[in-house]
Amino acid sequence: MAFTQLINAPTHYRLDYPDLALILALVRGGSLARASQLLKVDVSTVFRAVRRLEAALGQQLFEKSRAGYLSTTLAQSLAEQAERAEQALDAARIGVEQGGQVISGTVRLTCTDSVLQGLLLPALAQFMPSYPALTIELSTSNDFANLSRRDADIALRLTRSPPEHLVGRCLAQVSYRVCGSTAYLRTVDAEDLAALTWIAPDDFLPDHPTIAWRRQQWPGVVPGYRCNSMLSVTELVRAGLGVAALPDFLISDGLQSLTGPLQGCDTALWLLTRPDCRALRSVVTLFDELGQALRLIPAS
């Protein structure tokens, strides 16, 4: 829509890359001073360039205020185009440096916060430096709606049965064990689980398998803490506030298992995508790299 407006501008001015770079710098910087630093020119040069560009377009790009230069809708739209051009130019430069085609683009990835912390971050640190032109947009969620609504391209999920409309692979088996911090367990009788302070998922995760297990095994236990994510549950356990049923991949130094794998709580780590994403080179590349990095997780 922004370019349609430009075509209809009285002067029929044709934008070029320096114009887009100027707009992007001022949108990012929010002030002439910051934009001049980003562009490595003096403030007066930026000021004159913006005035000339607005005159040529016949439209206002920025509104000056006490807070700085506020971008109009047109400037925001052009800044988004400029970012894509910037990414394409970076990919081209990297391709020249590496002597071949590079993987570029943006891939939207979703997982739970516990999977992000315990599994995904170490994997990304392992292989992402090899893909400097690849951008990942990360979101944390506890359901599959992201892929179904096309809000994400790849999902890492703990589930026994992934939705049939998604495609992917099972990377590892995951089980849960009751754990506590070494410091906390020194202060209590660890043999009497019912007498310990329990930390558990709250109603935000009503179907979590550990909830059903605890209610069946210890119906009289009332958790002293309830959290809306398994990562939060883990952090409270690590802080010495009580015990909880945790997945194997979150049990690390400082935590001690009080039980073996809990019956009925076992699940699996699935790497999933939509069928239409298999035609996208950036998605396929990230999917394969994650599959390679995470399949090395020891099975429970």
C-alpha atoms as a PDB file:
ATOM      1  CA  MET A   1       0.000   0.000   0.000  1.00  0.00           C
ATOM      2  CA  ALA A   2       2.894   2.344   0.803  1.00  0.00           C
ATOM      3  CA  PHE A   3       4.341   1.999  -2.674  1.00  0.00           C
ATOM      4  CA  THR A   4       0.922   2.611  -4.266  1.00  0.00           C
ATOM      5  CA  GLN A   5       0.825   5.887  -2.426  1.00  0.00           C
ATOM      6  CA  LEU A   6       4.274   6.730  -3.728  1.00  0.00           C
ATOM      7  CA  ILE A   7       3.287   6.029  -7.328  1.00  0.00           C
ATOM      8  CA  ASN A   8       0.452   8.516  -6.935  1.00  0.00           C
ATOM      9  CA  ALA A   9       2.689  11.176  -5.394  1.00  0.00           C
ATOM     10  CA  PRO A  10       2.760  14.396  -7.417  1.00  0.00           C
ATOM     11  CA  THR A  11       6.471  14.124  -8.292  1.00  0.00           C
ATOM     12  CA  HIS A  12       6.411  10.367  -8.996  1.00  0.00           C
ATOM     13  CA  TYR A  13       9.629  10.160  -6.989  1.00  0.00           C
ATOM     14  CA  ARG A  14      11.353   6.769  -7.163  1.00  0.00           C
ATOM     15  CA  LEU A  15      12.819   5.531  -3.870  1.00  0.00           C
ATOM     16  CA  ASP A  16      16.290   4.025  -3.820  1.00  0.00           C
ATOM     17  CA  TYR A  17      18.212   2.113  -1.154  1.00  0.00           C
ATOM     18  CA  PRO A  18      19.843   5.186   0.517  1.00  0.00           C
ATOM     19  CA  ASP A  19      16.349   6.624   1.031  1.00  0.00           C
ATOM     20  CA  LEU A  20      15.220   3.430   2.754  1.00  0.00           C
ATOM     21  CA  ALA A  21      18.407   3.352   4.853  1.00  0.00           C
ATOM     22  CA  LEU A  22      17.731   6.921   5.974  1.00  0.00           C
ATOM     23  CA  ILE A  23      14.144   6.132   6.993  1.00  0.00           C
ATOM     24  CA  LEU A  24      15.175   2.953   8.793  1.00  0.00           C
ATOM     25  CA  ALA A  25      17.911   4.737  10.745  1.00  0.00           C
ATOM     26  CA  LEU A  26      15.524   7.463  11.926  1.00  0.00           C
ATOM     27  CA  VAL A  27      12.802   4.928  12.846  1.00  0.00           C
ATOM     28  CA  ARG A  28      15.321   2.867  14.796  1.00  0.00           C
ATOM     29  CA  GLY A  29      17.053   5.833  16.396  1.00  0.00           C
ATOM     30  CA  GLY A  30      14.049   8.023  17.085  1.00  0.00           C
ATOM     31  CA  SER A  31      16.183  11.156  16.921  1.00  0.00           C
ATOM     32  CA  LEU A  32      18.440  12.967  14.480  1.00  0.00           C
ATOM     33  CA  ALA A  33      21.433  12.438  16.737  1.00  0.00           C
ATOM     34  CA  ARG A  34      20.970   8.675  16.986  1.00  0.00           C
ATOM     35  CA  ALA A  35      20.195   8.361  13.259  1.00  0.00           C
ATOM     36  CA  SER A  36      23.357  10.284  12.414  1.00  0.00           C
ATOM     37  CA  GLN A  37      25.365   7.828  14.517  1.00  0.00           C
ATOM     38  CA  LEU A  38      23.795   4.856  12.758  1.00  0.00           C
ATOM     39  CA  LEU A  39      24.454   6.371   9.325  1.00  0.00           C
ATOM     40  CA  LYS A  40      27.884   7.720  10.305  1.00  0.00           C
ATOM     41  CA  VAL A  41      27.131  11.250   9.085  1.00  0.00           C
ATOM     42  CA  ASP A  42      26.508  14.523  10.906  1.00  0.00           C
ATOM     43  CA  VAL A  43      23.119  15.599  12.263  1.00  0.00           C
ATOM     44  CA  SER A  44      22.629  18.407   9.751  1.00  0.00           C
ATOM     45  CA  THR A  45      23.071  15.948   6.881  1.00  0.00           C
ATOM     46  CA  VAL A  46      20.302  13.722   8.254  1.00  0.00           C
ATOM     47  CA  PHE A  47      18.028  16.727   8.815  1.00  0.00           C
ATOM     48  CA  ARG A  48      18.451  18.020   5.261  1.00  0.00           C
ATOM     49  CA  ALA A  49      18.056  14.531   3.766  1.00  0.00           C
ATOM     50  CA  VAL A  50      14.754  13.950   5.572  1.00  0.00           C
ATOM     51  CA  ARG A  51      13.423  17.346   4.505  1.00  0.00           C
ATOM     52  CA  ARG A  52      14.380  16.691   0.860  1.00  0.00           C
ATOM     53  CA  LEU A  53      12.838  13.204   0.887  1.00  0.00           C
ATOM     54  CA  GLU A  54       9.541  14.372   2.379  1.00  0.00           C
ATOM     55  CA  ALA A  55       9.376  17.178  -0.186  1.00  0.00           C
ATOM     56  CA  ALA A  56      10.077  14.744  -3.018  1.00  0.00           C
ATOM     57  CA  LEU A  57       7.413  12.306  -1.822  1.00  0.00           C
ATOM     58  CA  GLY A  58       4.889  15.010  -1.059  1.00  0.00           C
ATOM     59  CA  GLN A  59       4.111  13.260   2.234  1.00  0.00           C
ATOM     60  CA  GLN A  60       5.232  13.563   5.843  1.00  0.00           C
ATOM     61  CA  LEU A  61       7.399  10.745   7.155  1.00  0.00           C
ATOM     62  CA  PHE A  62       8.094  11.949  10.702  1.00  0.00           C
ATOM     63  CA  GLU A  63       6.484  14.160  13.305  1.00  0.00           C
ATOM     64  CA  LYS A  64       8.825  16.085  15.575  1.00  0.00           C
ATOM     65  CA  SER A  65       7.962  15.985  19.280  1.00  0.00           C
ATOM     66  CA  ARG A  66       9.644  16.337  22.655  1.00  0.00           C
ATOM     67  CA  ALA A  67      10.205  12.574  22.598  1.00  0.00           C
ATOM     68  CA  GLY A  68      12.056  12.817  19.280  1.00  0.00           C
ATOM     69  CA  TYR A  69      11.057  12.004  15.729  1.00  0.00           C
ATOM     70  CA  LEU A  70       7.834   9.963  15.639  1.00  0.00           C
ATOM     71  CA  SER A  71       7.369   7.894  12.490  1.00  0.00           C
ATOM     72  CA  THR A  72       4.136   8.065  10.508  1.00  0.00           C
ATOM     73  CA  THR A  73       2.359   4.978   9.201  1.00  0.00           C
ATOM     74  CA  LEU A  74       4.097   5.480   5.862  1.00  0.00           C
ATOM     75  CA  ALA A  75       7.536   5.651   7.506  1.00  0.00           C
ATOM     76  CA  GLN A  76       6.834   2.479   9.498  1.00  0.00           C
ATOM     77  CA  SER A  77       5.791   0.654   6.334  1.00  0.00           C
ATOM     78  CA  LEU A  78       8.884   1.811   4.466  1.00  0.00           C
ATOM     79  CA  ALA A  79      11.095   0.870   7.441  1.00  0.00           C
ATOM     80  CA  GLU A  80       9.752  -2.696   7.263  1.00  0.00           C
ATOM     81  CA  GLN A  81      10.616  -2.805   3.559  1.00  0.00           C
ATOM     82  CA  ALA A  82      14.047  -1.411   4.388  1.00  0.00           C
ATOM     83  CA  GLU A  83      14.678  -4.143   6.954  1.00  0.00           C
ATOM     84  CA  ARG A  84      13.875  -6.817   4.376  1.00  0.00           C
ATOM     85  CA  ALA A  85      16.202  -5.138   1.884  1.00  0.00           C
ATOM     86  CA  GLU A  86      18.885  -4.949   4.575  1.00  0.00           C
ATOM     87  CA  GLN A  87      18.523  -8.664   5.338  1.00  0.00           C
ATOM     88  CA  ALA A  88      18.704  -9.550   1.641  1.00  0.00           C
ATOM     89  CA  LEU A  89      21.841  -7.439   1.228  1.00  0.00           C
ATOM     90  CA  ASP A  90      23.448  -9.063   4.280  1.00  0.00           C
ATOM     91  CA  ALA A  91      22.630 -12.516   2.890  1.00  0.00           C
ATOM     92  CA  ALA A  92      24.170 -11.573  -0.458  1.00  0.00           C
ATOM     93  CA  ARG A  93      27.348 -10.322   1.226  1.00  0.00           C
ATOM     94  CA  ILE A  94      27.638 -13.478   3.294  1.00  0.00           C
ATOM     95  CA  GLY A  95      27.122 -15.551   0.151  1.00  0.00           C
ATOM     96  CA  VAL A  96      30.002 -13.770  -1.549  1.00  0.00           C
ATOM     97  CA  GLU A  97      32.235 -14.226   1.502  1.00  0.00           C
ATOM     98  CA  GLN A  98      31.404 -17.911   1.794  1.00  0.00           C
ATOM     99  CA  GLY A  99      31.573 -18.525  -1.931  1.00  0.00           C
ATOM    100  CA  GLY A 100      28.107 -20.003  -2.288  1.00  0.00           C
ATOM    101  CA  GLN A 101      24.415 -19.762  -1.543  1.00  0.00           C
ATOM    102  CA  VAL A 102      23.433 -19.104   2.065  1.00  0.00           C
ATOM    103  CA  ILE A 103      20.335 -19.945   4.049  1.00  0.00           C
ATOM    104  CA  SER A 104      18.425 -16.759   4.770  1.00  0.00           C
ATOM    105  CA  GLY A 105      14.956 -15.691   5.840  1.00  0.00           C
ATOM    106  CA  THR A 106      12.860 -15.715   8.996  1.00  0.00           C
ATOM    107  CA  VAL A 107      11.514 -18.868  10.663  1.00  0.00           C
ATOM    108  CA  ARG A 108       8.902 -18.692  13.423  1.00  0.00           C
ATOM    109  CA  LEU A 109       9.550 -21.236  16.169  1.00  0.00           C
ATOM    110  CA  THR A 110       7.343 -22.055  19.162  1.00  0.00           C
ATOM    111  CA  CYS A 111       7.895 -24.212  22.256  1.00  0.00           C
ATOM    112  CA  THR A 112       7.159 -24.186  25.981  1.00  0.00           C
ATOM    113  CA  ASP A 113       9.410 -22.155  28.240  1.00  0.00           C
ATOM    114  CA  SER A 114      10.755 -25.322  29.865  1.00  0.00           C
ATOM    115  CA  VAL A 115      11.737 -26.800  26.495  1.00  0.00           C
ATOM    116  CA  LEU A 116      13.267 -23.461  25.536  1.00  0.00           C
ATOM    117  CA  GLN A 117      15.430 -23.316  28.644  1.00  0.00           C
ATOM    118  CA  GLY A 118      16.304 -26.977  29.002  1.00  0.00           C
ATOM    119  CA  LEU A 119      16.680 -28.107  25.387  1.00  0.00           C
ATOM    120  CA  LEU A 120      16.334 -25.483  22.676  1.00  0.00           C
ATOM    121  CA  LEU A 121      18.818 -22.839  23.810  1.00  0.00           C
ATOM    122  CA  PRO A 122      21.777 -25.256  24.013  1.00  0.00           C
ATOM    123  CA  ALA A 123      20.860 -26.596  20.559  1.00  0.00           C
ATOM    124  CA  LEU A 124      20.638 -23.132  18.976  1.00  0.00           C
ATOM    125  CA  ALA A 125      23.981 -22.166  20.481  1.00  0.00           C
ATOM    126  CA  GLN A 126      25.458 -25.259  18.858  1.00  0.00           C
ATOM    127  CA  PHE A 127      24.500 -24.651  15.214  1.00  0.00           C
ATOM    128  CA  MET A 128      23.094 -21.145  14.689  1.00  0.00           C
ATOM    129  CA  PRO A 129      26.526 -19.486  14.309  1.00  0.00           C
ATOM    130  CA  SER A 130      26.726 -21.376  10.998  1.00  0.00           C
ATOM    131  CA  TYR A 131      23.651 -19.502   9.695  1.00  0.00           C
ATOM    132  CA  PRO A 132      24.332 -15.775  10.135  1.00  0.00           C
ATOM    133  CA  ALA A 133      21.639 -14.809   7.580  1.00  0.00           C
ATOM    134  CA  LEU A 134      18.896 -16.894   9.222  1.00  0.00           C
ATOM    135  CA  THR A 135      16.527 -15.095  11.625  1.00  0.00           C
ATOM    136  CA  ILE A 136      14.417 -16.911  14.232  1.00  0.00           C
ATOM    137  CA  GLU A 137      11.282 -15.455  15.792  1.00  0.00           C
ATOM    138  CA  LEU A 138      10.699 -17.308  19.060  1.00  0.00           C
ATOM    139  CA  SER A 139       7.494 -17.577  21.057  1.00  0.00           C
ATOM    140  CA  THR A 140       6.588 -19.692  24.074  1.00  0.00           C
ATOM    141  CA  SER A 141       3.207 -21.395  24.237  1.00  0.00           C
ATOM    142  CA  ASN A 142       1.657 -24.520  25.734  1.00  0.00           C
ATOM    143  CA  ASP A 143      -0.583 -25.581  22.839  1.00  0.00           C
ATOM    144  CA  PHE A 144      -0.579 -26.390  19.143  1.00  0.00           C
ATOM    145  CA  ALA A 145      -2.703 -23.427  18.101  1.00  0.00           C
ATOM    146  CA  ASN A 146       0.339 -21.520  16.881  1.00  0.00           C
ATOM    147  CA  LEU A 147       0.954 -23.919  14.002  1.00  0.00           C
ATOM    148  CA  SER A 148      -2.738 -24.437  13.301  1.00  0.00           C
ATOM    149  CA  ARG A 149      -3.253 -20.672  12.929  1.00  0.00           C
ATOM    150  CA  ARG A 150      -0.037 -20.396  10.891  1.00  0.00           C
ATOM    151  CA  ASP A 151       1.462 -18.207  13.597  1.00  0.00           C
ATOM    152  CA  ALA A 152       4.530 -20.464  13.654  1.00  0.00           C
ATOM    153  CA  ASP A 153       6.469 -22.649  11.223  1.00  0.00           C
ATOM    154  CA  ILE A 154       8.082 -25.128  13.624  1.00  0.00           C
ATOM    155  CA  ALA A 155       7.069 -26.368  17.073  1.00  0.00           C
ATOM    156  CA  LEU A 156       8.863 -28.355  19.756  1.00  0.00           C
ATOM    157  CA  ARG A 157       6.246 -30.042  21.921  1.00  0.00           C
ATOM    158  CA  LEU A 158       6.044 -32.573  24.731  1.00  0.00           C
ATOM    159  CA  THR A 159       3.142 -34.851  23.829  1.00  0.00           C
ATOM    160  CA  ARG A 160       2.202 -38.498  23.455  1.00  0.00           C
ATOM    161  CA  SER A 161       0.105 -37.926  20.342  1.00  0.00           C
ATOM    162  CA  PRO A 162       0.743 -34.857  18.140  1.00  0.00           C
ATOM    163  CA  PRO A 163      -2.086 -33.571  15.912  1.00  0.00           C
ATOM    164  CA  GLU A 164      -2.498 -35.561  12.701  1.00  0.00           C
ATOM    165  CA  HIS A 165      -2.470 -32.461  10.489  1.00  0.00           C
ATOM    166  CA  LEU A 166       1.162 -31.752  11.453  1.00  0.00           C
ATOM    167  CA  VAL A 167       4.237 -33.616  10.265  1.00  0.00           C
ATOM    168  CA  GLY A 168       7.424 -34.285  12.172  1.00  0.00           C
ATOM    169  CA  ARG A 169       9.480 -36.720  14.146  1.00  0.00           C
ATOM    170  CA  CYS A 170       9.750 -38.015  17.687  1.00  0.00           C
ATOM    171  CA  LEU A 171      13.154 -37.015  19.047  1.00  0.00           C
ATOM    172  CA  ALA A 172      13.248 -38.497  22.548  1.00  0.00           C
ATOM    173  CA  GLN A 173      11.251 -40.094  25.338  1.00  0.00           C
ATOM    174  CA  VAL A 174      10.797 -37.959  28.445  1.00  0.00           C
ATOM    175  CA  SER A 175       9.787 -39.071  31.941  1.00  0.00           C
ATOM    176  CA  TYR A 176       9.082 -37.231  35.196  1.00  0.00           C
ATOM    177  CA  ARG A 177      10.554 -37.764  38.658  1.00  0.00           C
ATOM    178  CA  VAL A 178       9.892 -36.167  42.039  1.00  0.00           C
ATOM    179  CA  CYS A 179      12.862 -33.930  42.848  1.00  0.00           C
ATOM    180  CA  GLY A 180      14.073 -31.481  45.443  1.00  0.00           C
ATOM    181  CA  SER A 181      17.151 -29.365  45.904  1.00  0.00           C
ATOM    182  CA  THR A 182      20.017 -30.882  47.863  1.00  0.00           C
ATOM    183  CA  ALA A 183      19.825 -28.033  50.370  1.00  0.00           C
ATOM    184  CA  TYR A 184      16.062 -28.452  50.946  1.00  0.00           C
ATOM    185  CA  LEU A 185      16.270 -32.229  51.335  1.00  0.00           C
ATOM    186  CA  ARG A 186      18.851 -31.861  54.104  1.00  0.00           C
ATOM    187  CA  THR A 187      16.204 -30.084  56.217  1.00  0.00           C
ATOM    188  CA  VAL A 188      13.318 -32.577  55.861  1.00  0.00           C
ATOM    189  CA  ASP A 189      12.484 -36.265  56.085  1.00  0.00           C
ATOM    190  CA  ALA A 190      12.685 -37.141  52.391  1.00  0.00           C
ATOM    191  CA  GLU A 191      11.116 -40.544  53.030  1.00  0.00           C
ATOM    192  CA  ASP A 192       7.726 -38.997  53.790  1.00  0.00           C
ATOM    193  CA  LEU A 193       6.731 -37.378  50.489  1.00  0.00           C
ATOM    194  CA  ALA A 194       3.267 -36.426  51.710  1.00  0.00           C
ATOM    195  CA  ALA A 195       4.772 -34.286  54.489  1.00  0.00           C
ATOM    196  CA  LEU A 196       6.957 -32.239  52.142  1.00  0.00           C
ATOM    197  CA  THR A 197       6.077 -28.867  50.621  1.00  0.00           C
ATOM    198  CA  TRP A 198       4.884 -29.496  47.076  1.00  0.00           C
ATOM    199  CA  ILE A 199       5.241 -27.182  44.086  1.00  0.00           C
ATOM    200  CA  ALA A 200       2.897 -27.853  41.188  1.00  0.00           C
ATOM    201  CA  PRO A 201       1.466 -26.463  37.938  1.00  0.00           C
ATOM    202  CA  ASP A 202      -1.668 -24.365  38.451  1.00  0.00           C
ATOM    203  CA  ASP A 203      -4.930 -24.290  36.495  1.00  0.00           C
ATOM    204  CA  PHE A 204      -3.057 -22.809  33.539  1.00  0.00           C
ATOM    205  CA  LEU A 205      -1.898 -26.399  32.888  1.00  0.00           C
ATOM    206  CA  PRO A 206      -4.982 -28.379  33.974  1.00  0.00           C
ATOM    207  CA  ASP A 207      -4.164 -31.477  31.923  1.00  0.00           C
ATOM    208  CA  HIS A 208      -0.546 -31.808  32.938  1.00  0.00           C
ATOM    209  CA  PRO A 209       0.136 -35.517  33.677  1.00  0.00           C
ATOM    210  CA  THR A 210       1.912 -34.797  36.956  1.00  0.00           C
ATOM    211  CA  ILE A 211      -1.264 -33.249  38.394  1.00  0.00           C
ATOM    212  CA  ALA A 212      -3.305 -36.413  37.814  1.00  0.00           C
ATOM    213  CA  TRP A 213      -0.451 -38.526  39.201  1.00  0.00           C
ATOM    214  CA  ARG A 214      -0.140 -36.484  42.408  1.00  0.00           C
ATOM    215  CA  ARG A 215      -3.896 -36.461  43.037  1.00  0.00           C
ATOM    216  CA  GLN A 216      -4.012 -40.215  42.621  1.00  0.00           C
ATOM    217  CA  GLN A 217      -0.924 -41.032  44.685  1.00  0.00           C
ATOM    218  CA  TRP A 218      -1.220 -38.297  47.350  1.00  0.00           C
ATOM    219  CA  PRO A 219      -4.856 -37.118  47.373  1.00  0.00           C
ATOM    220  CA  GLY A 220      -4.420 -35.293  50.663  1.00  0.00           C
ATOM    221  CA  VAL A 221      -1.494 -33.156  49.518  1.00  0.00           C
ATOM    222  CA  VAL A 222      -2.213 -29.456  48.951  1.00  0.00           C
ATOM    223  CA  PRO A 223       0.654 -27.763  47.062  1.00  0.00           C
ATOM    224  CA  GLY A 224       2.293 -24.907  48.902  1.00  0.00           C
ATOM    225  CA  TYR A 225       3.106 -23.206  45.584  1.00  0.00           C
ATOM    226  CA  ARG A 226       1.356 -23.245  42.208  1.00  0.00           C
ATOM    227  CA  CYS A 227       2.977 -21.941  39.025  1.00  0.00           C
ATOM    228  CA  ASN A 228       1.767 -21.296  35.496  1.00  0.00           C
ATOM    229  CA  SER A 229       4.743 -23.005  33.834  1.00  0.00           C
ATOM    230  CA  MET A 230       6.996 -25.987  34.443  1.00  0.00           C
ATOM    231  CA  LEU A 231      10.038 -23.747  34.201  1.00  0.00           C
ATOM    232  CA  SER A 232       8.723 -21.707  37.139  1.00  0.00           C
ATOM    233  CA  VAL A 233       8.037 -24.922  39.058  1.00  0.00           C
ATOM    234  CA  THR A 234      11.643 -25.958  38.452  1.00  0.00           C
ATOM    235  CA  GLU A 235      13.052 -22.624  39.592  1.00  0.00           C
ATOM    236  CA  LEU A 236      11.108 -22.798  42.855  1.00  0.00           C
ATOM    237  CA  VAL A 237      12.423 -26.307  43.470  1.00  0.00           C
ATOM    238  CA  ARG A 238      15.945 -25.126  42.685  1.00  0.00           C
ATOM    239  CA  ALA A 239      15.485 -22.277  45.192  1.00  0.00           C
ATOM    240  CA  GLY A 240      14.827 -24.844  47.941  1.00  0.00           C
ATOM    241  CA  LEU A 241      11.127 -24.118  48.451  1.00  0.00           C
ATOM    242  CA  GLY A 242       9.879 -27.705  48.102  1.00  0.00           C
ATOM    243  CA  VAL A 243       9.622 -30.720  45.795  1.00  0.00           C
ATOM    244  CA  ALA A 244       7.928 -31.279  42.437  1.00  0.00           C
ATOM    245  CA  ALA A 245       7.586 -33.773  39.613  1.00  0.00           C
ATOM    246  CA  LEU A 246      10.014 -32.540  36.930  1.00  0.00           C
ATOM    247  CA  PRO A 247      10.893 -33.736  33.423  1.00  0.00           C
ATOM    248  CA  ASP A 248      14.277 -35.421  33.092  1.00  0.00           C
ATOM    249  CA  PHE A 249      15.782 -32.661  30.940  1.00  0.00           C
ATOM    250  CA  LEU A 250      15.267 -30.056  33.695  1.00  0.00           C
ATOM    251  CA  ILE A 251      16.903 -32.158  36.406  1.00  0.00           C
ATOM    252  CA  SER A 252      20.482 -30.944  36.688  1.00  0.00           C
ATOM    253  CA  ASP A 253      23.165 -30.133  39.265  1.00  0.00           C
ATOM    254  CA  GLY A 254      21.748 -29.134  42.616  1.00  0.00           C
ATOM    255  CA  LEU A 255      18.584 -31.225  42.232  1.00  0.00           C
ATOM    256  CA  GLN A 256      18.125 -34.733  43.595  1.00  0.00           C
ATOM    257  CA  SER A 257      15.587 -37.340  42.419  1.00  0.00           C
ATOM    258  CA  LEU A 258      13.451 -38.921  45.133  1.00  0.00           C
ATOM    259  CA  THR A 259      11.670 -41.414  42.861  1.00  0.00           C
ATOM    260  CA  GLY A 260      12.145 -43.279  39.647  1.00  0.00           C
ATOM    261  CA  PRO A 261      10.142 -42.423  36.522  1.00  0.00           C
ATOM    262  CA  LEU A 262       6.525 -41.726  37.492  1.00  0.00           C
ATOM    263  CA  GLN A 263       4.046 -44.202  36.045  1.00  0.00           C
ATOM    264  CA  GLY A 264       1.628 -42.643  33.571  1.00  0.00           C
ATOM    265  CA  CYS A 265       3.588 -39.399  33.255  1.00  0.00           C
ATOM    266  CA  ASP A 266       5.924 -40.405  30.439  1.00  0.00           C
ATOM    267  CA  THR A 267       5.740 -38.358  27.246  1.00  0.00           C
ATOM    268  CA  ALA A 268       7.853 -37.601  24.179  1.00  0.00           C
ATOM    269  CA  LEU A 269       9.579 -34.649  22.574  1.00  0.00           C
ATOM    270  CA  TRP A 270       8.219 -33.990  19.078  1.00  0.00           C
ATOM    271  CA  LEU A 271       9.611 -31.716  16.389  1.00  0.00           C
ATOM    272  CA  LEU A 272       6.673 -30.596  14.234  1.00  0.00           C
ATOM    273  CA  THR A 273       5.859 -28.425  11.244  1.00  0.00           C
ATOM    274  CA  ARG A 274       3.030 -27.830   8.777  1.00  0.00           C
ATOM    275  CA  PRO A 275       3.062 -29.770   5.480  1.00  0.00           C
ATOM    276  CA  ASP A 276       3.188 -26.536   3.452  1.00  0.00           C
ATOM    277  CA  CYS A 277       6.399 -25.467   5.228  1.00  0.00           C
ATOM    278  CA  ARG A 278       8.388 -28.356   3.789  1.00  0.00           C
ATOM    279  CA  ALA A 279       8.857 -26.352   0.594  1.00  0.00           C
ATOM    280  CA  LEU A 280      10.658 -23.534   2.426  1.00  0.00           C
ATOM    281  CA  ARG A 281      14.431 -23.970   2.482  1.00  0.00           C
ATOM    282  CA  SER A 282      14.887 -21.914   5.650  1.00  0.00           C
ATOM    283  CA  VAL A 283      12.284 -23.980   7.550  1.00  0.00           C
ATOM    284  CA  VAL A 284      13.649 -27.298   6.295  1.00  0.00           C
ATOM    285  CA  THR A 285      17.185 -26.305   7.273  1.00  0.00           C
ATOM    286  CA  LEU A 286      16.223 -25.305  10.820  1.00  0.00           C
ATOM    287  CA  PHE A 287      14.005 -28.386  11.157  1.00  0.00           C
ATOM    288  CA  ASP A 288      16.868 -30.701  10.151  1.00  0.00           C
ATOM    289  CA  GLU A 289      19.406 -28.956  12.385  1.00  0.00           C
ATOM    290  CA  LEU A 290      17.088 -29.177  15.398  1.00  0.00           C
ATOM    291  CA  GLY A 291      16.383 -32.810  14.653  1.00  0.00           C
ATOM    292  CA  GLN A 292      20.105 -33.550  14.550  1.00  0.00           C
ATOM    293  CA  ALA A 293      20.950 -31.584  17.708  1.00  0.00           C
ATOM    294  CA  LEU A 294      18.039 -32.757  19.862  1.00  0.00           C
ATOM    295  CA  ARG A 295      17.960 -36.405  18.853  1.00  0.00           C
ATOM    296  CA  LEU A 296      21.099 -36.833  20.930  1.00  0.00           C
ATOM    297  CA  ILE A 297      19.064 -36.346  24.132  1.00  0.00           C
ATOM    298  CA  PRO A 298      19.394 -39.560  26.182  1.00  0.00           C
ATOM    299  CA  ALA A 299      16.140 -41.500  26.347  1.00  0.00           C
ATOM    300  CA  SER A 300      14.725 -41.938  29.847  1.00  0.00           C
END
